[in-house]
Amino acid sequence: MTLRTIEIEGRELVVMTRSEFERLMEKAGTLPALPPADAKGNRDALAFADAAIARGFITRRIKACLTQKELAKRSGVRMETISRLESGKHIPRQETIVRLDEALKVLERGAQRHKVA
């Protein structure tokens, strides 16, 4: 593991690669694990899709500084549905994915405008 530290506003921060960060998040139980590869390096496609969708939404939600409850309120999706999606063991309906995606895009666009200004 390669880590660097930097100091910003008197606080020491740790910098690491995205893959190392995701490995730690997986180990902590924040990100669902990707299915193991077989001897040929292949993974179960459906299990991989479930985990990849979950990881994508978790990463975007955390980056937007939202809890599951806050995302549920903004998207109109039940918190229990978000929790099941983020477990990586449940694929929601397309409509649910679209509603969550749209709610997160609004926040992401706002963050981009804030950066440019």
Protein backbone atom coordinates (compact mmCIF):
# COMPACT_ATOMS: atom_id res chain seq x y z
CA MET A 1 0.00 0.00 0.00
CA THR A 2 1.41 3.37 -1.02
CA LEU A 3 0.23 6.30 1.06
CA ARG A 4 1.19 9.94 1.21
CA THR A 5 0.22 12.55 3.71
CA ILE A 6 -0.46 16.20 3.04
CA GLU A 7 -1.37 19.03 5.36
CA ILE A 8 -4.29 21.32 4.61
CA GLU A 9 -5.46 23.98 7.05
CA GLY A 10 -3.37 22.42 9.82
CA ARG A 11 -4.88 18.96 9.35
CA GLU A 12 -2.88 15.94 8.20
CA LEU A 13 -4.67 14.05 5.43
CA VAL A 14 -3.85 10.67 3.91
CA VAL A 15 -3.74 10.31 0.12
CA MET A 16 -4.11 6.89 -1.53
CA THR A 17 -5.11 5.40 -4.85
CA ARG A 18 -8.79 4.93 -5.67
CA SER A 19 -8.32 1.14 -5.81
CA GLU A 20 -6.72 1.09 -2.34
CA PHE A 21 -9.50 3.31 -0.96
CA GLU A 22 -12.15 0.99 -2.43
CA ARG A 23 -10.37 -2.05 -0.96
CA LEU A 24 -10.49 -0.43 2.49
CA MET A 25 -14.15 0.57 2.02
CA GLU A 26 -14.93 -3.02 1.03
CA LYS A 27 -13.06 -4.37 4.05
CA ALA A 28 -14.98 -1.97 6.33
CA GLY A 29 -18.26 -3.20 4.86
CA THR A 30 -19.14 0.12 3.25
CA LEU A 31 -18.86 -1.23 -0.31
CA PRO A 32 -20.21 -4.67 -1.26
CA ALA A 33 -17.50 -7.07 -2.37
CA LEU A 34 -17.16 -7.92 -6.04
CA PRO A 35 -17.68 -11.63 -6.68
CA PRO A 36 -14.50 -13.69 -6.76
CA ALA A 37 -12.95 -14.58 -10.11
CA ASP A 38 -12.75 -18.19 -11.20
CA ALA A 39 -9.53 -19.88 -12.37
CA LYS A 40 -9.82 -18.15 -15.77
CA GLY A 41 -10.40 -14.72 -14.21
CA ASN A 42 -14.13 -14.66 -15.02
CA ARG A 43 -16.74 -13.41 -12.57
CA ASP A 44 -20.43 -14.16 -12.32
CA ALA A 45 -21.97 -11.43 -14.51
CA LEU A 46 -25.17 -10.90 -12.52
CA ALA A 47 -23.43 -10.78 -9.15
CA PHE A 48 -20.84 -8.41 -10.61
CA ALA A 49 -23.57 -6.14 -12.02
CA ASP A 50 -25.39 -6.07 -8.65
CA ALA A 51 -22.21 -5.12 -6.80
CA ALA A 52 -21.06 -2.61 -9.43
CA ILE A 53 -24.40 -0.77 -9.41
CA ALA A 54 -24.40 -0.70 -5.61
CA ARG A 55 -20.80 0.55 -5.44
CA GLY A 56 -21.56 3.29 -7.96
CA PHE A 57 -24.53 4.61 -6.00
CA ILE A 58 -22.73 4.37 -2.65
CA THR A 59 -19.73 6.29 -4.00
CA ARG A 60 -21.91 9.00 -5.54
CA ARG A 61 -24.08 9.30 -2.41
CA ILE A 62 -21.06 9.63 -0.13
CA LYS A 63 -19.42 12.15 -2.48
CA ALA A 64 -22.65 14.19 -2.34
CA CYS A 65 -22.46 14.05 1.50
CA LEU A 66 -25.88 12.41 1.77
CA THR A 67 -27.18 9.74 4.08
CA GLN A 68 -29.48 7.06 2.74
CA LYS A 69 -32.35 8.87 4.43
CA GLU A 70 -31.49 12.17 2.72
CA LEU A 71 -31.16 10.50 -0.69
CA ALA A 72 -34.52 8.79 -0.13
CA LYS A 73 -36.16 12.14 0.56
CA ARG A 74 -34.59 13.81 -2.50
CA SER A 75 -35.38 10.94 -4.86
CA GLY A 76 -38.76 9.81 -3.58
CA VAL A 77 -37.39 6.28 -3.15
CA ARG A 78 -37.92 4.43 0.13
CA MET A 79 -34.85 4.27 2.36
CA GLU A 80 -35.30 0.49 2.67
CA THR A 81 -35.02 0.21 -1.14
CA ILE A 82 -31.80 2.23 -1.13
CA SER A 83 -30.42 0.06 1.67
CA ARG A 84 -31.20 -3.13 -0.26
CA LEU A 85 -29.67 -1.71 -3.45
CA GLU A 86 -26.50 -0.68 -1.60
CA SER A 87 -26.13 -4.17 -0.12
CA GLY A 88 -25.40 -5.41 -3.63
CA LYS A 89 -27.90 -8.24 -3.24
CA HIS A 90 -30.90 -6.55 -4.82
CA ILE A 91 -31.41 -5.07 -8.27
CA PRO A 92 -34.14 -2.44 -8.16
CA ARG A 93 -36.48 -1.63 -11.00
CA GLN A 94 -35.19 0.63 -13.75
CA GLU A 95 -37.52 3.41 -12.59
CA THR A 96 -35.90 3.35 -9.15
CA ILE A 97 -32.39 3.55 -10.62
CA VAL A 98 -33.45 6.50 -12.79
CA ARG A 99 -34.97 8.37 -9.82
CA LEU A 100 -31.83 7.88 -7.72
CA ASP A 101 -29.60 8.85 -10.64
CA GLU A 102 -31.58 12.03 -11.32
CA ALA A 103 -31.46 13.09 -7.66
CA LEU A 104 -27.70 12.59 -7.55
CA LYS A 105 -27.17 14.38 -10.89
CA VAL A 106 -28.87 17.50 -9.52
CA LEU A 107 -26.36 17.59 -6.67
CA GLU A 108 -23.42 16.77 -8.95
CA ARG A 109 -24.36 19.58 -11.37
CA GLY A 110 -24.62 21.98 -8.43
CA ALA A 111 -21.18 20.93 -7.22
CA GLN A 112 -19.73 21.47 -10.71
CA ARG A 113 -21.24 24.98 -10.92
CA HIS A 114 -19.84 25.75 -7.48
CA LYS A 115 -16.33 24.64 -8.58
CA VAL A 116 -16.42 26.77 -11.75
CA ALA A 117 -17.62 29.91 -9.98
